[in-house]
Amino acid sequence: MIKIENLSKSFGEVKAVDDLSFEVREGELFAFLGVNGAGKSTTINIICGQLEKDSGTVSVGGHDLDSESMSVKSTIGVVFQGSHLDRALSVYDNLKSRASLYGIVGKAFEERVTELALLLDFKDLLKRSLGKLSGGQRRRIDIARALLHRPKILILDEPTTGLDPQTRRLLWSVIEGLRKSEGMTVLLTTHYMEEAAEADYVVIIDGGRKVACGTPLALKNTYTGDFITLYDVKEEDAAKLGVPYEAVSGAYRLSVESTEAATALILAHPEIFKDYEITKGKMDDVFLAATGKKLSGGEEK
């Protein structure tokens, strides 16, 4: 659904996007990760036609961005980091004005806004001005605005930053429902690694370049090992195993290269492994290993 080849964009001396290539398959939840300034928002702005690229090709839904930009724009819905709605207008008037840009008017608009209000639980907010809504309420309206024209591709740029857990659960429930019912493709940037861990495919960029890609499981297997949390043992028992370890909340966490290595260690020392659990490394560990940096919140420049 999205194909980017050798994309580059510079701002003076700064290369924001540097020979970047990746593909997003139809119906996929695709996570696009990077620290602030890595080039994520620049790439998204190019895909959306808001920023001109220096070189490379961009295809969205089978449409070339250079020659079919209007077709590209009608294929995608975008939820940007900040709201692009008018705070002085009511929710209803905001959505009505945006819908008219897609030719959705009259009965068609009334039916669509009723459908979205039910889906995103904002029926009681339609007459309220946007500026009087909470952050979570405004986010629901931002997503409704992006979904008005039933896009085939939904681009979510930090959609849940700062939201309460209940609103985050609602938004993801809606998005997952649309992926299943309509086959919608989702491109996500996020600083929440638990969201990235649910993706079908992940691309990590640093300095505008792709530094790692793959499924969450493949990335974990490549960039991190496994961890064994060992309970009810003394430190000398953990030290005896000959692998790195650390004390954690009344237990010891051992670092091993792989599940195979963990199994071998357990079989070799059954007298020590009486109460334990094995876990994979997390996406935070993957990101740190791939970039040498920690992912934190904030807006990309």
C-alpha atoms as a PDB file:
ATOM      1  CA  MET A   1       0.000   0.000   0.000  1.00  0.00           C
ATOM      2  CA  ILE A   2       2.961   2.319   0.595  1.00  0.00           C
ATOM      3  CA  LYS A   3       6.255   1.933  -1.261  1.00  0.00           C
ATOM      4  CA  ILE A   4       9.135   4.305  -0.649  1.00  0.00           C
ATOM      5  CA  GLU A   5      12.393   3.995  -2.574  1.00  0.00           C
ATOM      6  CA  ASN A   6      15.582   5.980  -1.981  1.00  0.00           C
ATOM      7  CA  LEU A   7      13.742   8.900  -0.391  1.00  0.00           C
ATOM      8  CA  SER A   8      15.866  11.892   0.614  1.00  0.00           C
ATOM      9  CA  LYS A   9      15.112  15.310   2.066  1.00  0.00           C
ATOM     10  CA  SER A  10      17.523  17.922   3.405  1.00  0.00           C
ATOM     11  CA  PHE A  11      17.051  21.201   5.231  1.00  0.00           C
ATOM     12  CA  GLY A  12      20.214  23.114   4.465  1.00  0.00           C
ATOM     13  CA  GLU A  13      23.103  21.103   5.852  1.00  0.00           C
ATOM     14  CA  VAL A  14      20.818  18.709   7.735  1.00  0.00           C
ATOM     15  CA  LYS A  15      19.784  15.461   6.020  1.00  0.00           C
ATOM     16  CA  ALA A  16      16.391  14.772   7.591  1.00  0.00           C
ATOM     17  CA  VAL A  17      15.738  11.705   5.401  1.00  0.00           C
ATOM     18  CA  ASP A  18      18.696   9.943   3.823  1.00  0.00           C
ATOM     19  CA  ASP A  19      18.138   7.343   1.062  1.00  0.00           C
ATOM     20  CA  LEU A  20      15.239   5.723   2.905  1.00  0.00           C
ATOM     21  CA  SER A  21      13.379   2.717   1.469  1.00  0.00           C
ATOM     22  CA  PHE A  22      10.567   0.595   2.919  1.00  0.00           C
ATOM     23  CA  GLU A  23       7.196  -0.969   2.060  1.00  0.00           C
ATOM     24  CA  VAL A  24       3.912  -1.186   3.963  1.00  0.00           C
ATOM     25  CA  ARG A  25       1.684  -4.116   2.980  1.00  0.00           C
ATOM     26  CA  GLU A  26      -2.090  -3.984   2.695  1.00  0.00           C
ATOM     27  CA  GLY A  27      -3.928  -4.486   6.000  1.00  0.00           C
ATOM     28  CA  GLU A  28      -0.707  -4.267   7.989  1.00  0.00           C
ATOM     29  CA  LEU A  29      -0.057  -2.442  11.252  1.00  0.00           C
ATOM     30  CA  PHE A  30       3.322  -0.909  10.458  1.00  0.00           C
ATOM     31  CA  ALA A  31       5.354   0.766  13.226  1.00  0.00           C
ATOM     32  CA  PHE A  32       7.795   3.495  12.198  1.00  0.00           C
ATOM     33  CA  LEU A  33      10.171   4.249  15.081  1.00  0.00           C
ATOM     34  CA  GLY A  34      12.888   6.784  15.764  1.00  0.00           C
ATOM     35  CA  VAL A  35      13.994   9.364  18.317  1.00  0.00           C
ATOM     36  CA  ASN A  36      12.939  12.994  17.954  1.00  0.00           C
ATOM     37  CA  GLY A  37      14.542  14.381  14.810  1.00  0.00           C
ATOM     38  CA  ALA A  38      15.160  10.952  13.257  1.00  0.00           C
ATOM     39  CA  GLY A  39      13.069  11.817  10.182  1.00  0.00           C
ATOM     40  CA  LYS A  40       9.698  10.220  10.954  1.00  0.00           C
ATOM     41  CA  SER A  41       7.518  13.307  10.674  1.00  0.00           C
ATOM     42  CA  THR A  42       9.439  14.534   7.642  1.00  0.00           C
ATOM     43  CA  THR A  43       8.737  11.231   5.894  1.00  0.00           C
ATOM     44  CA  ILE A  44       5.053  11.378   6.830  1.00  0.00           C
ATOM     45  CA  ASN A  45       4.740  14.970   5.629  1.00  0.00           C
ATOM     46  CA  ILE A  46       6.210  13.923   2.281  1.00  0.00           C
ATOM     47  CA  ILE A  47       3.798  10.982   1.976  1.00  0.00           C
ATOM     48  CA  CYS A  48       0.890  13.348   2.708  1.00  0.00           C
ATOM     49  CA  GLY A  49       2.036  15.844   0.082  1.00  0.00           C
ATOM     50  CA  GLN A  50       2.734  18.555   2.649  1.00  0.00           C
ATOM     51  CA  LEU A  51       6.446  18.601   1.998  1.00  0.00           C
ATOM     52  CA  GLU A  52       8.390  18.282  -1.246  1.00  0.00           C
ATOM     53  CA  LYS A  53      11.044  15.570  -1.390  1.00  0.00           C
ATOM     54  CA  ASP A  54      14.516  16.112  -2.829  1.00  0.00           C
ATOM     55  CA  SER A  55      14.750  12.712  -4.519  1.00  0.00           C
ATOM     56  CA  GLY A  56      13.347   9.192  -4.521  1.00  0.00           C
ATOM     57  CA  THR A  57       9.908   7.784  -5.288  1.00  0.00           C
ATOM     58  CA  VAL A  58       6.755   7.464  -3.189  1.00  0.00           C
ATOM     59  CA  SER A  59       3.780   5.298  -4.167  1.00  0.00           C
ATOM     60  CA  VAL A  60       0.588   5.137  -2.067  1.00  0.00           C
ATOM     61  CA  GLY A  61      -2.224   2.727  -2.866  1.00  0.00           C
ATOM     62  CA  GLY A  62      -0.709   2.162  -6.311  1.00  0.00           C
ATOM     63  CA  HIS A  63      -0.631   5.925  -7.045  1.00  0.00           C
ATOM     64  CA  ASP A  64       2.607   7.787  -7.707  1.00  0.00           C
ATOM     65  CA  LEU A  65       2.939  10.831  -5.463  1.00  0.00           C
ATOM     66  CA  ASP A  66       4.473  13.017  -8.192  1.00  0.00           C
ATOM     67  CA  SER A  67       1.886  12.396 -10.915  1.00  0.00           C
ATOM     68  CA  GLU A  68      -1.228  11.402  -8.911  1.00  0.00           C
ATOM     69  CA  SER A  69      -1.054  13.491  -5.753  1.00  0.00           C
ATOM     70  CA  MET A  70      -4.842  13.969  -5.486  1.00  0.00           C
ATOM     71  CA  SER A  71      -5.416  10.211  -5.655  1.00  0.00           C
ATOM     72  CA  VAL A  72      -2.800   9.735  -2.932  1.00  0.00           C
ATOM     73  CA  LYS A  73      -4.503  12.280  -0.668  1.00  0.00           C
ATOM     74  CA  SER A  74      -7.902  10.630  -1.119  1.00  0.00           C
ATOM     75  CA  THR A  75      -6.407   7.249  -0.171  1.00  0.00           C
ATOM     76  CA  ILE A  76      -4.991   8.302   3.196  1.00  0.00           C
ATOM     77  CA  GLY A  77      -6.312   9.672   6.478  1.00  0.00           C
ATOM     78  CA  VAL A  78      -3.831  11.324   8.821  1.00  0.00           C
ATOM     79  CA  VAL A  79      -3.836  11.947  12.551  1.00  0.00           C
ATOM     80  CA  PHE A  80      -0.994  14.379  13.187  1.00  0.00           C
ATOM     81  CA  GLN A  81       0.788  14.934  16.514  1.00  0.00           C
ATOM     82  CA  GLY A  82      -1.123  18.180  17.021  1.00  0.00           C
ATOM     83  CA  SER A  83      -4.802  18.799  16.244  1.00  0.00           C
ATOM     84  CA  HIS A  84      -5.571  20.519  12.937  1.00  0.00           C
ATOM     85  CA  LEU A  85      -9.147  21.409  13.868  1.00  0.00           C
ATOM     86  CA  ASP A  86     -10.650  24.809  14.720  1.00  0.00           C
ATOM     87  CA  ARG A  87     -10.928  25.225  18.493  1.00  0.00           C
ATOM     88  CA  ALA A  88     -13.606  27.914  18.155  1.00  0.00           C
ATOM     89  CA  LEU A  89     -16.014  25.733  16.153  1.00  0.00           C
ATOM     90  CA  SER A  90     -18.238  22.981  17.497  1.00  0.00           C
ATOM     91  CA  VAL A  91     -17.289  19.355  16.940  1.00  0.00           C
ATOM     92  CA  TYR A  92     -20.163  19.023  14.456  1.00  0.00           C
ATOM     93  CA  ASP A  93     -19.123  22.102  12.443  1.00  0.00           C
ATOM     94  CA  ASN A  94     -15.472  21.021  12.427  1.00  0.00           C
ATOM     95  CA  LEU A  95     -16.362  17.630  10.985  1.00  0.00           C
ATOM     96  CA  LYS A  96     -18.894  19.108   8.551  1.00  0.00           C
ATOM     97  CA  SER A  97     -16.341  21.531   7.079  1.00  0.00           C
ATOM     98  CA  ARG A  98     -13.711  18.784   6.727  1.00  0.00           C
ATOM     99  CA  ALA A  99     -16.197  16.355   5.198  1.00  0.00           C
ATOM    100  CA  SER A 100     -17.201  18.911   2.554  1.00  0.00           C
ATOM    101  CA  LEU A 101     -13.618  18.901   1.269  1.00  0.00           C
ATOM    102  CA  TYR A 102     -14.182  15.262   0.294  1.00  0.00           C
ATOM    103  CA  GLY A 103     -17.616  15.972  -1.180  1.00  0.00           C
ATOM    104  CA  ILE A 104     -19.354  14.341   1.785  1.00  0.00           C
ATOM    105  CA  VAL A 105     -22.405  16.553   2.330  1.00  0.00           C
ATOM    106  CA  GLY A 106     -26.104  16.374   3.205  1.00  0.00           C
ATOM    107  CA  LYS A 107     -27.476  12.959   4.136  1.00  0.00           C
ATOM    108  CA  ALA A 108     -24.140  11.244   3.439  1.00  0.00           C
ATOM    109  CA  PHE A 109     -22.433  13.463   6.034  1.00  0.00           C
ATOM    110  CA  GLU A 110     -25.192  13.005   8.611  1.00  0.00           C
ATOM    111  CA  GLU A 111     -24.969   9.231   8.289  1.00  0.00           C
ATOM    112  CA  ARG A 112     -21.169   9.225   8.480  1.00  0.00           C
ATOM    113  CA  VAL A 113     -20.926  11.549  11.505  1.00  0.00           C
ATOM    114  CA  THR A 114     -23.564   9.483  13.331  1.00  0.00           C
ATOM    115  CA  GLU A 115     -21.588   6.318  12.570  1.00  0.00           C
ATOM    116  CA  LEU A 116     -18.307   7.812  13.782  1.00  0.00           C
ATOM    117  CA  ALA A 117     -19.895   9.356  16.891  1.00  0.00           C
ATOM    118  CA  LEU A 118     -21.128   5.911  17.891  1.00  0.00           C
ATOM    119  CA  LEU A 119     -17.806   4.265  17.053  1.00  0.00           C
ATOM    120  CA  LEU A 120     -15.675   6.781  18.957  1.00  0.00           C
ATOM    121  CA  ASP A 121     -18.215   7.646  21.656  1.00  0.00           C
ATOM    122  CA  PHE A 122     -18.626  11.393  21.093  1.00  0.00           C
ATOM    123  CA  LYS A 123     -22.359  11.769  20.357  1.00  0.00           C
ATOM    124  CA  ASP A 124     -22.778  13.991  23.437  1.00  0.00           C
ATOM    125  CA  LEU A 125     -19.892  16.237  22.312  1.00  0.00           C
ATOM    126  CA  LEU A 126     -21.181  17.234  18.858  1.00  0.00           C
ATOM    127  CA  LYS A 127     -22.535  20.628  19.940  1.00  0.00           C
ATOM    128  CA  ARG A 128     -19.570  21.546  22.154  1.00  0.00           C
ATOM    129  CA  SER A 129     -16.735  23.749  20.898  1.00  0.00           C
ATOM    130  CA  LEU A 130     -13.488  21.896  20.327  1.00  0.00           C
ATOM    131  CA  GLY A 131     -11.559  24.255  22.608  1.00  0.00           C
ATOM    132  CA  LYS A 132     -13.609  23.154  25.616  1.00  0.00           C
ATOM    133  CA  LEU A 133     -12.831  19.457  25.225  1.00  0.00           C
ATOM    134  CA  SER A 134     -10.227  17.475  27.136  1.00  0.00           C
ATOM    135  CA  GLY A 135      -7.138  16.147  25.361  1.00  0.00           C
ATOM    136  CA  GLY A 136      -8.601  12.656  25.086  1.00  0.00           C
ATOM    137  CA  GLN A 137     -11.899  13.975  23.717  1.00  0.00           C
ATOM    138  CA  ARG A 138     -10.111  16.097  21.102  1.00  0.00           C
ATOM    139  CA  ARG A 139      -8.077  13.073  20.046  1.00  0.00           C
ATOM    140  CA  ARG A 140     -11.260  11.133  19.347  1.00  0.00           C
ATOM    141  CA  ILE A 141     -12.443  13.975  17.110  1.00  0.00           C
ATOM    142  CA  ASP A 142      -9.043  14.097  15.347  1.00  0.00           C
ATOM    143  CA  ILE A 143      -9.396  10.418  14.498  1.00  0.00           C
ATOM    144  CA  ALA A 144     -13.009  10.881  13.389  1.00  0.00           C
ATOM    145  CA  ARG A 145     -11.844  13.657  11.048  1.00  0.00           C
ATOM    146  CA  ALA A 146      -9.214  11.336   9.551  1.00  0.00           C
ATOM    147  CA  LEU A 147     -11.805   8.584   9.033  1.00  0.00           C
ATOM    148  CA  LEU A 148     -14.556  10.702   7.420  1.00  0.00           C
ATOM    149  CA  HIS A 149     -13.786   9.584   3.856  1.00  0.00           C
ATOM    150  CA  ARG A 150     -13.140   5.920   4.716  1.00  0.00           C
ATOM    151  CA  PRO A 151      -9.415   5.964   3.878  1.00  0.00           C
ATOM    152  CA  LYS A 152      -7.652   2.788   2.841  1.00  0.00           C
ATOM    153  CA  ILE A 153      -4.569   3.889   4.792  1.00  0.00           C
ATOM    154  CA  LEU A 154      -4.561   5.549   8.224  1.00  0.00           C
ATOM    155  CA  ILE A 155      -1.375   7.336   9.284  1.00  0.00           C
ATOM    156  CA  LEU A 156      -1.075   7.857  13.041  1.00  0.00           C
ATOM    157  CA  ASP A 157       1.712  10.210  14.152  1.00  0.00           C
ATOM    158  CA  GLU A 158       2.081   9.769  17.936  1.00  0.00           C
ATOM    159  CA  PRO A 159      -1.701   9.299  18.305  1.00  0.00           C
ATOM    160  CA  THR A 160      -1.845   8.357  21.999  1.00  0.00           C
ATOM    161  CA  THR A 161       0.877  10.527  23.562  1.00  0.00           C
ATOM    162  CA  GLY A 162      -0.389  11.994  26.817  1.00  0.00           C
ATOM    163  CA  LEU A 163      -3.720  10.177  26.767  1.00  0.00           C
ATOM    164  CA  ASP A 164      -5.200   8.354  29.726  1.00  0.00           C
ATOM    165  CA  PRO A 165      -5.226   4.524  29.560  1.00  0.00           C
ATOM    166  CA  GLN A 166      -8.991   4.336  29.018  1.00  0.00           C
ATOM    167  CA  THR A 167      -8.885   6.606  25.952  1.00  0.00           C
ATOM    168  CA  ARG A 168      -5.851   4.766  24.586  1.00  0.00           C
ATOM    169  CA  ARG A 169      -7.729   1.456  24.870  1.00  0.00           C
ATOM    170  CA  LEU A 170     -10.775   2.916  23.119  1.00  0.00           C
ATOM    171  CA  LEU A 171      -8.743   4.301  20.208  1.00  0.00           C
ATOM    172  CA  TRP A 172      -6.854   1.062  19.673  1.00  0.00           C
ATOM    173  CA  SER A 173     -10.057  -0.956  19.893  1.00  0.00           C
ATOM    174  CA  VAL A 174     -11.568   1.212  17.139  1.00  0.00           C
ATOM    175  CA  ILE A 175      -8.454   1.010  14.953  1.00  0.00           C
ATOM    176  CA  GLU A 176      -8.150  -2.760  15.317  1.00  0.00           C
ATOM    177  CA  GLY A 177     -11.847  -3.124  14.544  1.00  0.00           C
ATOM    178  CA  LEU A 178     -11.447  -1.131  11.310  1.00  0.00           C
ATOM    179  CA  ARG A 179      -8.428  -3.193  10.302  1.00  0.00           C
ATOM    180  CA  LYS A 180     -10.489  -6.359  10.659  1.00  0.00           C
ATOM    181  CA  SER A 181     -13.753  -5.094   9.159  1.00  0.00           C
ATOM    182  CA  GLU A 182     -12.421  -2.893   6.363  1.00  0.00           C
ATOM    183  CA  GLY A 183      -8.889  -4.191   5.816  1.00  0.00           C
ATOM    184  CA  MET A 184      -7.478  -0.764   6.627  1.00  0.00           C
ATOM    185  CA  THR A 185      -3.698  -0.346   6.574  1.00  0.00           C
ATOM    186  CA  VAL A 186      -2.159   1.553   9.499  1.00  0.00           C
ATOM    187  CA  LEU A 187       1.210   3.314   9.621  1.00  0.00           C
ATOM    188  CA  LEU A 188       2.076   4.240  13.205  1.00  0.00           C
ATOM    189  CA  THR A 189       4.767   6.325  14.851  1.00  0.00           C
ATOM    190  CA  THR A 190       4.826   5.976  18.614  1.00  0.00           C
ATOM    191  CA  HIS A 191       6.964   6.346  21.732  1.00  0.00           C
ATOM    192  CA  TYR A 192       5.028   3.581  23.475  1.00  0.00           C
ATOM    193  CA  MET A 193       6.934   0.375  22.876  1.00  0.00           C
ATOM    194  CA  GLU A 194       3.993  -1.799  23.917  1.00  0.00           C
ATOM    195  CA  GLU A 195       2.154  -0.391  20.867  1.00  0.00           C
ATOM    196  CA  ALA A 196       5.109  -1.108  18.588  1.00  0.00           C
ATOM    197  CA  ALA A 197       5.301  -4.662  19.965  1.00  0.00           C
ATOM    198  CA  GLU A 198       1.788  -5.314  18.560  1.00  0.00           C
ATOM    199  CA  ALA A 199       2.773  -4.277  15.023  1.00  0.00           C
ATOM    200  CA  ASP A 200       3.046  -6.696  12.113  1.00  0.00           C
ATOM    201  CA  TYR A 201       6.271  -5.054  10.939  1.00  0.00           C
ATOM    202  CA  VAL A 202       8.664  -2.469  12.374  1.00  0.00           C
ATOM    203  CA  VAL A 203      11.160  -0.096  10.767  1.00  0.00           C
ATOM    204  CA  ILE A 204      13.583   1.820  12.994  1.00  0.00           C
ATOM    205  CA  ILE A 205      15.305   4.901  11.591  1.00  0.00           C
ATOM    206  CA  ASP A 206      18.139   6.995  12.985  1.00  0.00           C
ATOM    207  CA  GLY A 207      19.544  10.114  11.377  1.00  0.00           C
ATOM    208  CA  GLY A 208      17.110   9.692   8.499  1.00  0.00           C
ATOM    209  CA  ARG A 209      18.404   6.217   7.619  1.00  0.00           C
ATOM    210  CA  LYS A 210      16.900   2.772   8.206  1.00  0.00           C
ATOM    211  CA  VAL A 211      18.943   0.943  10.829  1.00  0.00           C
ATOM    212  CA  ALA A 212      16.715  -2.065  11.586  1.00  0.00           C
ATOM    213  CA  CYS A 213      13.548  -3.712  10.292  1.00  0.00           C
ATOM    214  CA  GLY A 214      11.517  -6.869  10.771  1.00  0.00           C
ATOM    215  CA  THR A 215       8.696  -8.339  12.822  1.00  0.00           C
ATOM    216  CA  PRO A 216       8.836  -7.595  16.565  1.00  0.00           C
ATOM    217  CA  LEU A 217       9.819 -11.219  17.249  1.00  0.00           C
ATOM    218  CA  ALA A 218      12.580 -11.212  14.616  1.00  0.00           C
ATOM    219  CA  LEU A 219      13.956  -7.937  15.980  1.00  0.00           C
ATOM    220  CA  LYS A 220      13.940  -9.259  19.532  1.00  0.00           C
ATOM    221  CA  ASN A 221      15.756 -12.410  18.444  1.00  0.00           C
ATOM    222  CA  THR A 222      18.335 -10.344  16.518  1.00  0.00           C
ATOM    223  CA  TYR A 223      18.990  -7.485  18.921  1.00  0.00           C
ATOM    224  CA  THR A 224      18.256  -8.879  22.374  1.00  0.00           C
ATOM    225  CA  GLY A 225      18.576 -12.128  24.239  1.00  0.00           C
ATOM    226  CA  ASP A 226      16.288 -13.783  26.762  1.00  0.00           C
ATOM    227  CA  PHE A 227      15.989 -13.101  30.463  1.00  0.00           C
ATOM    228  CA  ILE A 228      15.517 -15.679  33.203  1.00  0.00           C
ATOM    229  CA  THR A 229      14.095 -14.377  36.467  1.00  0.00           C
ATOM    230  CA  LEU A 230      15.234 -16.744  39.197  1.00  0.00           C
ATOM    231  CA  TYR A 231      13.290 -16.798  42.494  1.00  0.00           C
ATOM    232  CA  ASP A 232      14.087 -18.069  45.980  1.00  0.00           C
ATOM    233  CA  VAL A 233      17.857 -18.436  45.470  1.00  0.00           C
ATOM    234  CA  LYS A 234      20.929 -16.892  47.032  1.00  0.00           C
ATOM    235  CA  GLU A 235      23.237 -14.593  45.093  1.00  0.00           C
ATOM    236  CA  GLU A 236      26.015 -17.189  45.129  1.00  0.00           C
ATOM    237  CA  ASP A 237      23.692 -19.535  43.235  1.00  0.00           C
ATOM    238  CA  ALA A 238      23.062 -16.903  40.545  1.00  0.00           C
ATOM    239  CA  ALA A 239      26.774 -16.131  40.331  1.00  0.00           C
ATOM    240  CA  LYS A 240      27.575 -19.840  39.969  1.00  0.00           C
ATOM    241  CA  LEU A 241      25.754 -19.959  36.603  1.00  0.00           C
ATOM    242  CA  GLY A 242      28.435 -17.859  34.866  1.00  0.00           C
ATOM    243  CA  VAL A 243      26.110 -15.424  33.047  1.00  0.00           C
ATOM    244  CA  PRO A 244      25.413 -11.708  33.648  1.00  0.00           C
ATOM    245  CA  TYR A 245      22.784 -11.122  36.331  1.00  0.00           C
ATOM    246  CA  GLU A 246      21.220  -8.373  38.435  1.00  0.00           C
ATOM    247  CA  ALA A 247      19.118  -8.260  41.593  1.00  0.00           C
ATOM    248  CA  VAL A 248      15.441  -7.373  40.963  1.00  0.00           C
ATOM    249  CA  SER A 249      12.726  -7.232  43.650  1.00  0.00           C
ATOM    250  CA  GLY A 250      13.728 -10.251  45.702  1.00  0.00           C
ATOM    251  CA  ALA A 251      14.962 -12.234  42.692  1.00  0.00           C
ATOM    252  CA  TYR A 252      17.844 -12.348  40.237  1.00  0.00           C
ATOM    253  CA  ARG A 253      17.484 -11.661  36.516  1.00  0.00           C
ATOM    254  CA  LEU A 254      19.896 -13.542  34.288  1.00  0.00           C
ATOM    255  CA  SER A 255      20.782 -12.448  30.742  1.00  0.00           C
ATOM    256  CA  VAL A 256      21.254 -15.199  28.158  1.00  0.00           C
ATOM    257  CA  GLU A 257      21.809 -15.133  24.405  1.00  0.00           C
ATOM    258  CA  SER A 258      18.738 -17.102  23.360  1.00  0.00           C
ATOM    259  CA  THR A 259      15.963 -19.429  24.467  1.00  0.00           C
ATOM    260  CA  GLU A 260      18.214 -22.335  23.484  1.00  0.00           C
ATOM    261  CA  ALA A 261      20.932 -21.057  25.834  1.00  0.00           C
ATOM    262  CA  ALA A 262      18.367 -20.630  28.610  1.00  0.00           C
ATOM    263  CA  THR A 263      17.172 -24.218  28.171  1.00  0.00           C
ATOM    264  CA  ALA A 264      20.731 -25.547  28.299  1.00  0.00           C
ATOM    265  CA  LEU A 265      21.438 -23.608  31.494  1.00  0.00           C
ATOM    266  CA  ILE A 266      18.292 -24.909  33.177  1.00  0.00           C
ATOM    267  CA  LEU A 267      19.040 -28.520  32.233  1.00  0.00           C
ATOM    268  CA  ALA A 268      22.606 -28.209  33.510  1.00  0.00           C
ATOM    269  CA  HIS A 269      21.546 -26.814  36.918  1.00  0.00           C
ATOM    270  CA  PRO A 270      18.113 -28.248  37.831  1.00  0.00           C
ATOM    271  CA  GLU A 271      18.886 -27.873  41.545  1.00  0.00           C
ATOM    272  CA  ILE A 272      18.947 -24.047  41.157  1.00  0.00           C
ATOM    273  CA  PHE A 273      16.038 -23.622  38.733  1.00  0.00           C
ATOM    274  CA  LYS A 274      13.135 -24.563  40.972  1.00  0.00           C
ATOM    275  CA  ASP A 275      11.133 -21.341  40.578  1.00  0.00           C
ATOM    276  CA  TYR A 276      11.820 -19.203  37.509  1.00  0.00           C
ATOM    277  CA  GLU A 277      10.359 -17.582  34.389  1.00  0.00           C
ATOM    278  CA  ILE A 278      11.810 -16.858  30.941  1.00  0.00           C
ATOM    279  CA  THR A 279      10.963 -13.690  29.008  1.00  0.00           C
ATOM    280  CA  LYS A 280      12.043 -12.211  25.695  1.00  0.00           C
ATOM    281  CA  GLY A 281      13.793  -8.884  25.519  1.00  0.00           C
ATOM    282  CA  LYS A 282      11.461  -5.916  24.981  1.00  0.00           C
ATOM    283  CA  MET A 283      11.164  -3.495  22.071  1.00  0.00           C
ATOM    284  CA  ASP A 284      12.865  -0.881  24.274  1.00  0.00           C
ATOM    285  CA  ASP A 285      15.909  -3.180  24.341  1.00  0.00           C
ATOM    286  CA  VAL A 286      15.718  -3.605  20.559  1.00  0.00           C
ATOM    287  CA  PHE A 287      15.576   0.151  19.981  1.00  0.00           C
ATOM    288  CA  LEU A 288      18.499   0.822  22.300  1.00  0.00           C
ATOM    289  CA  ALA A 289      20.606  -1.920  20.688  1.00  0.00           C
ATOM    290  CA  ALA A 290      19.823  -0.726  17.143  1.00  0.00           C
ATOM    291  CA  THR A 291      20.331   3.008  17.704  1.00  0.00           C
ATOM    292  CA  GLY A 292      22.329   3.336  20.924  1.00  0.00           C
ATOM    293  CA  LYS A 293      19.580   5.684  22.134  1.00  0.00           C
ATOM    294  CA  LYS A 294      16.525   5.531  24.354  1.00  0.00           C
ATOM    295  CA  LEU A 295      13.119   6.441  22.980  1.00  0.00           C
ATOM    296  CA  SER A 296      11.374   9.245  24.862  1.00  0.00           C
ATOM    297  CA  GLY A 297       8.329  11.452  24.379  1.00  0.00           C
ATOM    298  CA  GLY A 298       8.094  14.820  22.709  1.00  0.00           C
ATOM    299  CA  GLU A 299       7.569  16.252  19.276  1.00  0.00           C
ATOM    300  CA  GLU A 300       9.955  15.680  16.447  1.00  0.00           C
ATOM    301  CA  LYS A 301      11.655  18.694  14.927  1.00  0.00           C
END
